[in-house]
């Protein structure tokens, strides 16, 4: 690996943008990016790319060709498609680092495509939100090339990357099981708080939760969880469908995971309210687009 490798970031959402900024901050000059939304100049990735230190590629071939490291951070539903599109242009021996939140079986499918192209697939499971620690966010690595890549990753600034397994799938299984809790909490908070606000009892409910997590500000925590769900609901729903597949592959009926996916999908339709504060304003804005049920007659 050269001292200044050429790095291509596939997918230029929150993760891609964060990594581009941090890698450039550490002196990496040969940065490229590609996103399937780049052809639309008004898209979020295109707008962000205009001020990014990474050079925006005109197509996936221009982004991937000659790169020694390709980091795939697309949406869950595009994981295999991205690996397939990149495979025709991967250099022999290049690292293909798959950060996508998908099931073990999906990772295995992507790994097979990359391996057949002569490149080195590395499974990566992002185990915390990317915002707080950015490039140093905890990530579990898996696969036969993970041990070698850890050394390279640490030099680049990926301080949170650790070797987890030599086989592909275990790291993603850990990520998927974590997502049931994290995205499930978001779905529960959304359903609870919206219903509570409709009945005018949200203050009582929030107060009653103080004993659950002592010291937590449940009003702010609820607003944060709701805003993340509204803003990233589409991506979270895709991930939760991969979680449901993971649960199903374990022989367990994914009742909760499937329901969480449906709630996250619903949340994505109310993205305009994501940045509103305080919690009551956010709730009222979402509820304004939810039809009031007809009042039932009292017995």
Foldseek 3Di string as FASTA:
>chain_A
DDPQFAEEEEAQDPQNQLLQVLLVVVPRQRAAYEYPCCVPCPDPSNVSQVPTSHHYDPHLLRRAARGQEYEYDHFLVCQQVSLQVNLVRHDAAREYEYAYQFALVSLVNSQVSNVVSNYHYKYKYQQDDCPPVPLCGAIEIEAQCLVVVVVVSVSSPNNRYDYDYHHTGPRSLVNLVVLLVLLLVLLVLLVVQLVCVVVVNNVVVQVVCCVVPPPDNSQQVSLQSLLCLQQCLVSSLSSLVSSQVNCVVVVHHPPSSNVSSVSSVVSPVLNVLSPDDDSSSSSVSVVVPPDDDDDDDDD
